């Protein structure tokens, strides 16, 4: 969509690059590829890597153990850092 419709001035995209409802950890390169694709279309300064939802999706229930949630966030931040370096 953002290839055809430009992001309005002052707006930022926060695409959900990792799934928060499963214990599967996406390969870091997949995360980086998705982030780079958004940044090339919307502008590097207009994109922040995010999750598809919160890890505490259900009150009182946790489908994702905290250790997995932290591993997912670590993967997201590492790939975001590398993607930023690639886009410079």
PDB file of N, CA and C in Angstrom:
ATOM      1  N   UNK A   1       0.810  -1.183   0.000  1.00  0.00           N
ATOM      2  CA  UNK A   1       0.000   0.000   0.000  1.00  0.00           C
ATOM      3  C   UNK A   1       0.865   1.264   0.000  1.00  0.00           C
ATOM      4  N   UNK A   2       1.942   1.270   0.799  1.00  0.00           N
ATOM      5  CA  UNK A   2       2.762   2.471   0.914  1.00  0.00           C
ATOM      6  C   UNK A   2       3.638   2.710  -0.311  1.00  0.00           C
ATOM      7  N   UNK A   3       3.625   1.787  -1.254  1.00  0.00           N
ATOM      8  CA  UNK A   3       4.290   2.042  -2.533  1.00  0.00           C
ATOM      9  C   UNK A   3       3.464   3.012  -3.363  1.00  0.00           C
ATOM     10  N   UNK A   4       2.143   3.052  -3.097  1.00  0.00           N
ATOM     11  CA  UNK A   4       1.234   3.887  -3.879  1.00  0.00           C
ATOM     12  C   UNK A   4       0.683   5.074  -3.097  1.00  0.00           C
ATOM     13  N   UNK A   5       0.624   4.950  -1.789  1.00  0.00           N
ATOM     14  CA  UNK A   5       0.114   6.014  -0.930  1.00  0.00           C
ATOM     15  C   UNK A   5       1.242   6.431   0.004  1.00  0.00           C
ATOM     16  N   UNK A   6       1.617   7.689  -0.055  1.00  0.00           N
ATOM     17  CA  UNK A   6       2.729   8.164   0.766  1.00  0.00           C
ATOM     18  C   UNK A   6       2.288   8.395   2.202  1.00  0.00           C
ATOM     19  N   UNK A   7       3.186   8.126   3.100  1.00  0.00           N
ATOM     20  CA  UNK A   7       2.942   8.334   4.517  1.00  0.00           C
ATOM     21  C   UNK A   7       2.829   9.839   4.775  1.00  0.00           C
ATOM     22  N   UNK A   8       1.765  10.282   5.455  1.00  0.00           N
ATOM     23  CA  UNK A   8       1.626  11.716   5.739  1.00  0.00           C
ATOM     24  C   UNK A   8       2.789  12.229   6.590  1.00  0.00           C
ATOM     25  N   UNK A   9       3.125  13.482   6.404  1.00  0.00           N
ATOM     26  CA  UNK A   9       4.211  14.106   7.161  1.00  0.00           C
ATOM     27  C   UNK A   9       3.940  13.990   8.657  1.00  0.00           C
ATOM     28  N   UNK A  10       4.986  13.679   9.413  1.00  0.00           N
ATOM     29  CA  UNK A  10       4.870  13.578  10.862  1.00  0.00           C
ATOM     30  C   UNK A  10       4.351  12.246  11.362  1.00  0.00           C
ATOM     31  N   UNK A  11       4.041  11.323  10.463  1.00  0.00           N
ATOM     32  CA  UNK A  11       3.534  10.007  10.862  1.00  0.00           C
ATOM     33  C   UNK A  11       4.652   8.979  10.823  1.00  0.00           C
ATOM     34  N   UNK A  12       4.552   7.969  11.676  1.00  0.00           N
ATOM     35  CA  UNK A  12       5.559   6.918  11.787  1.00  0.00           C
ATOM     36  C   UNK A  12       4.860   5.571  11.699  1.00  0.00           C
ATOM     37  N   UNK A  13       5.469   4.631  10.985  1.00  0.00           N
ATOM     38  CA  UNK A  13       4.967   3.260  10.925  1.00  0.00           C
ATOM     39  C   UNK A  13       5.671   2.416  11.976  1.00  0.00           C
ATOM     40  N   UNK A  14       4.911   1.564  12.646  1.00  0.00           N
ATOM     41  CA  UNK A  14       5.482   0.597  13.583  1.00  0.00           C
ATOM     42  C   UNK A  14       4.948  -0.770  13.152  1.00  0.00           C
ATOM     43  N   UNK A  15       5.573  -1.370  12.138  1.00  0.00           N
ATOM     44  CA  UNK A  15       5.073  -2.662  11.651  1.00  0.00           C
ATOM     45  C   UNK A  15       5.338  -3.786  12.655  1.00  0.00           C
ATOM     46  N   UNK A  16       4.388  -4.700  12.746  1.00  0.00           N
ATOM     47  CA  UNK A  16       4.542  -5.874  13.604  1.00  0.00           C
ATOM     48  C   UNK A  16       5.436  -6.891  12.929  1.00  0.00           C
ATOM     49  N   UNK A  17       6.685  -6.929  13.304  1.00  0.00           N
ATOM     50  CA  UNK A  17       7.668  -7.786  12.640  1.00  0.00           C
ATOM     51  C   UNK A  17       7.845  -9.135  13.311  1.00  0.00           C
ATOM     52  N   UNK A  18       7.392  -9.257  14.556  1.00  0.00           N
ATOM     53  CA  UNK A  18       7.480 -10.550  15.225  1.00  0.00           C
ATOM     54  C   UNK A  18       6.128 -10.904  15.830  1.00  0.00           C
ATOM     55  N   UNK A  19       5.833 -12.191  15.878  1.00  0.00           N
ATOM     56  CA  UNK A  19       4.596 -12.729  16.438  1.00  0.00           C
ATOM     57  C   UNK A  19       4.746 -12.869  17.942  1.00  0.00           C
ATOM     58  N   UNK A  20       3.736 -12.440  18.687  1.00  0.00           N
ATOM     59  CA  UNK A  20       3.816 -12.504  20.146  1.00  0.00           C
ATOM     60  C   UNK A  20       2.957 -13.608  20.745  1.00  0.00           C
ATOM     61  N   UNK A  21       2.266 -14.363  19.911  1.00  0.00           N
ATOM     62  CA  UNK A  21       1.344 -15.378  20.423  1.00  0.00           C
ATOM     63  C   UNK A  21       1.863 -16.801  20.280  1.00  0.00           C
ATOM     64  N   UNK A  22       3.041 -16.978  19.738  1.00  0.00           N
ATOM     65  CA  UNK A  22       3.611 -18.319  19.603  1.00  0.00           C
ATOM     66  C   UNK A  22       5.017 -18.329  20.186  1.00  0.00           C
ATOM     67  N   UNK A  23       5.543 -19.516  20.403  1.00  0.00           N
ATOM     68  CA  UNK A  23       6.900 -19.634  20.933  1.00  0.00           C
ATOM     69  C   UNK A  23       7.937 -19.697  19.818  1.00  0.00           C
ATOM     70  N   UNK A  24       7.497 -19.642  18.572  1.00  0.00           N
ATOM     71  CA  UNK A  24       8.411 -19.684  17.427  1.00  0.00           C
ATOM     72  C   UNK A  24       9.150 -18.349  17.317  1.00  0.00           C
ATOM     73  N   UNK A  25      10.460 -18.413  17.223  1.00  0.00           N
ATOM     74  CA  UNK A  25      11.274 -17.211  17.060  1.00  0.00           C
ATOM     75  C   UNK A  25      11.694 -17.122  15.596  1.00  0.00           C
ATOM     76  N   UNK A  26      11.247 -16.066  14.918  1.00  0.00           N
ATOM     77  CA  UNK A  26      11.578 -15.889  13.504  1.00  0.00           C
ATOM     78  C   UNK A  26      13.083 -15.726  13.326  1.00  0.00           C
ATOM     79  N   UNK A  27      13.549 -16.186  12.183  1.00  0.00           N
ATOM     80  CA  UNK A  27      14.966 -16.030  11.872  1.00  0.00           C
ATOM     81  C   UNK A  27      15.279 -14.540  11.783  1.00  0.00           C
ATOM     82  N   UNK A  28      16.374 -14.113  12.382  1.00  0.00           N
ATOM     83  CA  UNK A  28      16.712 -12.691  12.390  1.00  0.00           C
ATOM     84  C   UNK A  28      16.782 -12.054  11.002  1.00  0.00           C
ATOM     85  N   UNK A  29      17.196 -12.807  10.001  1.00  0.00           N
ATOM     86  CA  UNK A  29      17.278 -12.235   8.650  1.00  0.00           C
ATOM     87  C   UNK A  29      15.889 -11.898   8.098  1.00  0.00           C
ATOM     88  N   UNK A  30      14.888 -12.700   8.464  1.00  0.00           N
ATOM     89  CA  UNK A  30      13.508 -12.421   8.027  1.00  0.00           C
ATOM     90  C   UNK A  30      13.041 -11.107   8.629  1.00  0.00           C
ATOM     91  N   UNK A  31      13.326 -10.922   9.907  1.00  0.00           N
ATOM     92  CA  UNK A  31      12.960  -9.679  10.586  1.00  0.00           C
ATOM     93  C   UNK A  31      13.643  -8.492   9.910  1.00  0.00           C
ATOM     94  N   UNK A  32      14.928  -8.613   9.633  1.00  0.00           N
ATOM     95  CA  UNK A  32      15.677  -7.527   8.994  1.00  0.00           C
ATOM     96  C   UNK A  32      15.136  -7.229   7.598  1.00  0.00           C
ATOM     97  N   UNK A  33      14.844  -8.253   6.821  1.00  0.00           N
ATOM     98  CA  UNK A  33      14.318  -8.048   5.467  1.00  0.00           C
ATOM     99  C   UNK A  33      13.006  -7.283   5.496  1.00  0.00           C
ATOM    100  N   UNK A  34      12.132  -7.654   6.415  1.00  0.00           N
ATOM    101  CA  UNK A  34      10.838  -6.959   6.523  1.00  0.00           C
ATOM    102  C   UNK A  34      11.021  -5.505   6.932  1.00  0.00           C
ATOM    103  N   UNK A  35      11.886  -5.274   7.887  1.00  0.00           N
ATOM    104  CA  UNK A  35      12.122  -3.912   8.344  1.00  0.00           C
ATOM    105  C   UNK A  35      12.724  -3.054   7.232  1.00  0.00           C
ATOM    106  N   UNK A  36      13.682  -3.602   6.518  1.00  0.00           N
ATOM    107  CA  UNK A  36      14.319  -2.865   5.420  1.00  0.00           C
ATOM    108  C   UNK A  36      13.305  -2.547   4.327  1.00  0.00           C
ATOM    109  N   UNK A  37      12.423  -3.493   4.038  1.00  0.00           N
ATOM    110  CA  UNK A  37      11.402  -3.249   3.004  1.00  0.00           C
ATOM    111  C   UNK A  37      10.520  -2.065   3.391  1.00  0.00           C
ATOM    112  N   UNK A  38      10.062  -2.024   4.640  1.00  0.00           N
ATOM    113  CA  UNK A  38       9.246  -0.886   5.097  1.00  0.00           C
ATOM    114  C   UNK A  38      10.041   0.411   5.041  1.00  0.00           C
ATOM    115  N   UNK A  39      11.304   0.373   5.489  1.00  0.00           N
ATOM    116  CA  UNK A  39      12.122   1.587   5.540  1.00  0.00           C
ATOM    117  C   UNK A  39      12.404   2.142   4.151  1.00  0.00           C
ATOM    118  N   UNK A  40      12.620   1.283   3.180  1.00  0.00           N
ATOM    119  CA  UNK A  40      12.883   1.752   1.809  1.00  0.00           C
ATOM    120  C   UNK A  40      11.654   2.394   1.187  1.00  0.00           C
ATOM    121  N   UNK A  41      10.486   1.947   1.588  1.00  0.00           N
ATOM    122  CA  UNK A  41       9.250   2.507   1.031  1.00  0.00           C
ATOM    123  C   UNK A  41       8.827   3.775   1.770  1.00  0.00           C
ATOM    124  N   UNK A  42       8.815   3.721   3.100  1.00  0.00           N
ATOM    125  CA  UNK A  42       8.280   4.832   3.890  1.00  0.00           C
ATOM    126  C   UNK A  42       9.344   5.810   4.358  1.00  0.00           C
ATOM    127  N   UNK A  43      10.619   5.440   4.221  1.00  0.00           N
ATOM    128  CA  UNK A  43      11.701   6.288   4.706  1.00  0.00           C
ATOM    129  C   UNK A  43      12.221   5.772   6.027  1.00  0.00           C
ATOM    130  N   UNK A  44      13.514   5.636   6.108  1.00  0.00           N
ATOM    131  CA  UNK A  44      14.170   5.067   7.285  1.00  0.00           C
ATOM    132  C   UNK A  44      13.757   5.763   8.575  1.00  0.00           C
ATOM    133  N   UNK A  45      13.634   7.072   8.526  1.00  0.00           N
ATOM    134  CA  UNK A  45      13.312   7.852   9.719  1.00  0.00           C
ATOM    135  C   UNK A  45      11.847   7.728  10.124  1.00  0.00           C
ATOM    136  N   UNK A  46      11.029   7.077   9.295  1.00  0.00           N
ATOM    137  CA  UNK A  46       9.596   6.960   9.563  1.00  0.00           C
ATOM    138  C   UNK A  46       9.169   5.564   9.996  1.00  0.00           C
ATOM    139  N   UNK A  47      10.121   4.694  10.308  1.00  0.00           N
ATOM    140  CA  UNK A  47       9.791   3.307  10.651  1.00  0.00           C
ATOM    141  C   UNK A  47      10.463   2.907  11.963  1.00  0.00           C
ATOM    142  N   UNK A  48       9.673   2.279  12.841  1.00  0.00           N
ATOM    143  CA  UNK A  48      10.162   1.730  14.099  1.00  0.00           C
ATOM    144  C   UNK A  48       9.757   0.264  14.133  1.00  0.00           C
ATOM    145  N   UNK A  49      10.702  -0.625  14.406  1.00  0.00           N
ATOM    146  CA  UNK A  49      10.396  -2.055  14.490  1.00  0.00           C
ATOM    147  C   UNK A  49       9.500  -2.309  15.700  1.00  0.00           C
ATOM    148  N   UNK A  50       8.461  -3.123  15.491  1.00  0.00           N
ATOM    149  CA  UNK A  50       7.547  -3.423  16.586  1.00  0.00           C
ATOM    150  C   UNK A  50       7.072  -4.865  16.561  1.00  0.00           C
ATOM    151  N   UNK A  51       6.220  -5.192  17.504  1.00  0.00           N
ATOM    152  CA  UNK A  51       5.615  -6.520  17.578  1.00  0.00           C
ATOM    153  C   UNK A  51       4.201  -6.444  17.011  1.00  0.00           C
ATOM    154  N   UNK A  52       3.631  -7.606  16.664  1.00  0.00           N
ATOM    155  CA  UNK A  52       2.286  -7.590  16.096  1.00  0.00           C
ATOM    156  C   UNK A  52       1.215  -7.328  17.144  1.00  0.00           C
ATOM    157  N   UNK A  53       1.538  -7.465  18.399  1.00  0.00           N
ATOM    158  CA  UNK A  53       0.606  -7.246  19.494  1.00  0.00           C
ATOM    159  C   UNK A  53       1.423  -7.267  20.782  1.00  0.00           C
ATOM    160  N   UNK A  54       0.774  -7.223  21.898  1.00  0.00           N
ATOM    161  CA  UNK A  54       1.496  -7.316  23.159  1.00  0.00           C
ATOM    162  C   UNK A  54       1.674  -8.759  23.594  1.00  0.00           C
ATOM    163  N   UNK A  55       2.679  -9.016  24.399  1.00  0.00           N
ATOM    164  CA  UNK A  55       2.916 -10.367  24.899  1.00  0.00           C
ATOM    165  C   UNK A  55       1.882 -10.763  25.950  1.00  0.00           C
ATOM    166  N   UNK A  56       1.265  -9.811  26.601  1.00  0.00           N
ATOM    167  CA  UNK A  56       0.222 -10.100  27.589  1.00  0.00           C
ATOM    168  C   UNK A  56      -1.143 -10.003  26.953  1.00  0.00           C
ATOM    169  N   UNK A  57      -1.371 -10.754  25.893  1.00  0.00           N
ATOM    170  CA  UNK A  57      -2.603 -10.655  25.114  1.00  0.00           C
ATOM    171  C   UNK A  57      -3.843 -11.057  25.918  1.00  0.00           C
ATOM    172  N   UNK A  58      -3.729 -12.086  26.736  1.00  0.00           N
ATOM    173  CA  UNK A  58      -4.866 -12.570  27.508  1.00  0.00           C
ATOM    174  C   UNK A  58      -4.620 -12.305  28.984  1.00  0.00           C
ATOM    175  N   UNK A  59      -5.576 -11.695  29.640  1.00  0.00           N
ATOM    176  CA  UNK A  59      -5.429 -11.375  31.062  1.00  0.00           C
ATOM    177  C   UNK A  59      -5.280 -12.667  31.856  1.00  0.00           C
ATOM    178  N   UNK A  60      -4.216 -12.756  32.630  1.00  0.00           N
ATOM    179  CA  UNK A  60      -3.999 -13.903  33.489  1.00  0.00           C
ATOM    180  C   UNK A  60      -3.456 -15.136  32.796  1.00  0.00           C
ATOM    181  N   UNK A  61      -3.307 -15.102  31.493  1.00  0.00           N
ATOM    182  CA  UNK A  61      -2.791 -16.255  30.755  1.00  0.00           C
ATOM    183  C   UNK A  61      -1.596 -15.815  29.926  1.00  0.00           C
ATOM    184  N   UNK A  62      -0.605 -16.668  29.841  1.00  0.00           N
ATOM    185  CA  UNK A  62       0.573 -16.346  29.058  1.00  0.00           C
ATOM    186  C   UNK A  62       0.902 -17.516  28.143  1.00  0.00           C
ATOM    187  N   UNK A  63       0.718 -17.303  26.840  1.00  0.00           N
ATOM    188  CA  UNK A  63       1.027 -18.353  25.870  1.00  0.00           C
ATOM    189  C   UNK A  63       2.525 -18.408  25.597  1.00  0.00           C
ATOM    190  N   UNK A  64       3.211 -17.328  25.859  1.00  0.00           N
ATOM    191  CA  UNK A  64       4.641 -17.239  25.567  1.00  0.00           C
ATOM    192  C   UNK A  64       5.396 -17.054  26.881  1.00  0.00           C
ATOM    193  N   UNK A  65       6.270 -17.993  27.229  1.00  0.00           N
ATOM    194  CA  UNK A  65       7.061 -17.830  28.458  1.00  0.00           C
ATOM    195  C   UNK A  65       7.925 -16.570  28.388  1.00  0.00           C
ATOM    196  N   UNK A  66       8.176 -15.933  29.516  1.00  0.00           N
ATOM    197  CA  UNK A  66       8.992 -14.715  29.519  1.00  0.00           C
ATOM    198  C   UNK A  66      10.351 -14.895  28.843  1.00  0.00           C
ATOM    199  N   UNK A  67      10.987 -16.036  29.005  1.00  0.00           N
ATOM    200  CA  UNK A  67      12.302 -16.236  28.378  1.00  0.00           C
ATOM    201  C   UNK A  67      12.201 -16.186  26.851  1.00  0.00           C
ATOM    202  N   UNK A  68      11.109 -16.704  26.307  1.00  0.00           N
ATOM    203  CA  UNK A  68      10.907 -16.669  24.850  1.00  0.00           C
ATOM    204  C   UNK A  68      10.573 -15.245  24.406  1.00  0.00           C
ATOM    205  N   UNK A  69       9.753 -14.561  25.181  1.00  0.00           N
ATOM    206  CA  UNK A  69       9.417 -13.176  24.848  1.00  0.00           C
ATOM    207  C   UNK A  69      10.679 -12.317  24.790  1.00  0.00           C
ATOM    208  N   UNK A  70      11.569 -12.467  25.771  1.00  0.00           N
ATOM    209  CA  UNK A  70      12.819 -11.702  25.774  1.00  0.00           C
ATOM    210  C   UNK A  70      13.708 -12.094  24.595  1.00  0.00           C
ATOM    211  N   UNK A  71      13.740 -13.377  24.253  1.00  0.00           N
ATOM    212  CA  UNK A  71      14.545 -13.819  23.105  1.00  0.00           C
ATOM    213  C   UNK A  71      14.006 -13.210  21.811  1.00  0.00           C
ATOM    214  N   UNK A  72      12.684 -13.130  21.681  1.00  0.00           N
ATOM    215  CA  UNK A  72      12.085 -12.520  20.495  1.00  0.00           C
ATOM    216  C   UNK A  72      12.440 -11.035  20.411  1.00  0.00           C
ATOM    217  N   UNK A  73      12.342 -10.341  21.532  1.00  0.00           N
ATOM    218  CA  UNK A  73      12.673  -8.917  21.543  1.00  0.00           C
ATOM    219  C   UNK A  73      14.159  -8.683  21.287  1.00  0.00           C
ATOM    220  N   UNK A  74      14.997  -9.566  21.785  1.00  0.00           N
ATOM    221  CA  UNK A  74      16.428  -9.448  21.521  1.00  0.00           C
ATOM    222  C   UNK A  74      16.698  -9.606  20.027  1.00  0.00           C
ATOM    223  N   UNK A  75      16.060 -10.582  19.401  1.00  0.00           N
ATOM    224  CA  UNK A  75      16.212 -10.783  17.959  1.00  0.00           C
ATOM    225  C   UNK A  75      15.744  -9.547  17.203  1.00  0.00           C
ATOM    226  N   UNK A  76      14.620  -8.992  17.625  1.00  0.00           N
ATOM    227  CA  UNK A  76      14.074  -7.800  16.962  1.00  0.00           C
ATOM    228  C   UNK A  76      15.043  -6.630  17.060  1.00  0.00           C
ATOM    229  N   UNK A  77      15.599  -6.384  18.239  1.00  0.00           N
ATOM    230  CA  UNK A  77      16.497  -5.242  18.391  1.00  0.00           C
ATOM    231  C   UNK A  77      17.815  -5.441  17.654  1.00  0.00           C
ATOM    232  N   UNK A  78      18.342  -6.662  17.674  1.00  0.00           N
ATOM    233  CA  UNK A  78      19.589  -6.930  16.952  1.00  0.00           C
ATOM    234  C   UNK A  78      19.405  -6.702  15.448  1.00  0.00           C
ATOM    235  N   UNK A  79      18.335  -7.207  14.916  1.00  0.00           N
ATOM    236  CA  UNK A  79      18.082  -7.054  13.478  1.00  0.00           C
ATOM    237  C   UNK A  79      17.756  -5.619  13.122  1.00  0.00           C
ATOM    238  N   UNK A  80      17.050  -4.912  13.985  1.00  0.00           N
ATOM    239  CA  UNK A  80      16.767  -3.500  13.721  1.00  0.00           C
ATOM    240  C   UNK A  80      18.061  -2.708  13.662  1.00  0.00           C
ATOM    241  N   UNK A  81      18.990  -3.021  14.558  1.00  0.00           N
ATOM    242  CA  UNK A  81      20.291  -2.340  14.566  1.00  0.00           C
ATOM    243  C   UNK A  81      21.039  -2.618  13.266  1.00  0.00           C
ATOM    244  N   UNK A  82      21.070  -3.872  12.851  1.00  0.00           N
ATOM    245  CA  UNK A  82      21.768  -4.235  11.606  1.00  0.00           C
ATOM    246  C   UNK A  82      21.075  -3.648  10.380  1.00  0.00           C
ATOM    247  N   UNK A  83      19.755  -3.652  10.382  1.00  0.00           N
ATOM    248  CA  UNK A  83      19.011  -3.066   9.266  1.00  0.00           C
ATOM    249  C   UNK A  83      19.302  -1.576   9.158  1.00  0.00           C
ATOM    250  N   UNK A  84      19.389  -0.897  10.295  1.00  0.00           N
ATOM    251  CA  UNK A  84      19.697   0.541  10.296  1.00  0.00           C
ATOM    252  C   UNK A  84      21.075   0.790   9.681  1.00  0.00           C
ATOM    253  N   UNK A  85      22.037  -0.048  10.019  1.00  0.00           N
ATOM    254  CA  UNK A  85      23.381   0.117   9.471  1.00  0.00           C
ATOM    255  C   UNK A  85      23.368  -0.127   7.956  1.00  0.00           C
ATOM    256  N   UNK A  86      22.580  -1.099   7.511  1.00  0.00           N
ATOM    257  CA  UNK A  86      22.505  -1.389   6.075  1.00  0.00           C
ATOM    258  C   UNK A  86      21.878  -0.251   5.288  1.00  0.00           C
ATOM    259  N   UNK A  87      20.944   0.461   5.918  1.00  0.00           N
ATOM    260  CA  UNK A  87      20.213   1.540   5.234  1.00  0.00           C
ATOM    261  C   UNK A  87      20.994   2.845   5.188  1.00  0.00           C
ATOM    262  N   UNK A  88      22.125   2.946   5.881  1.00  0.00           N
ATOM    263  CA  UNK A  88      22.906   4.180   5.846  1.00  0.00           C
ATOM    264  C   UNK A  88      23.652   4.291   4.576  1.00  0.00           C
TER     265      UNK A  88
END
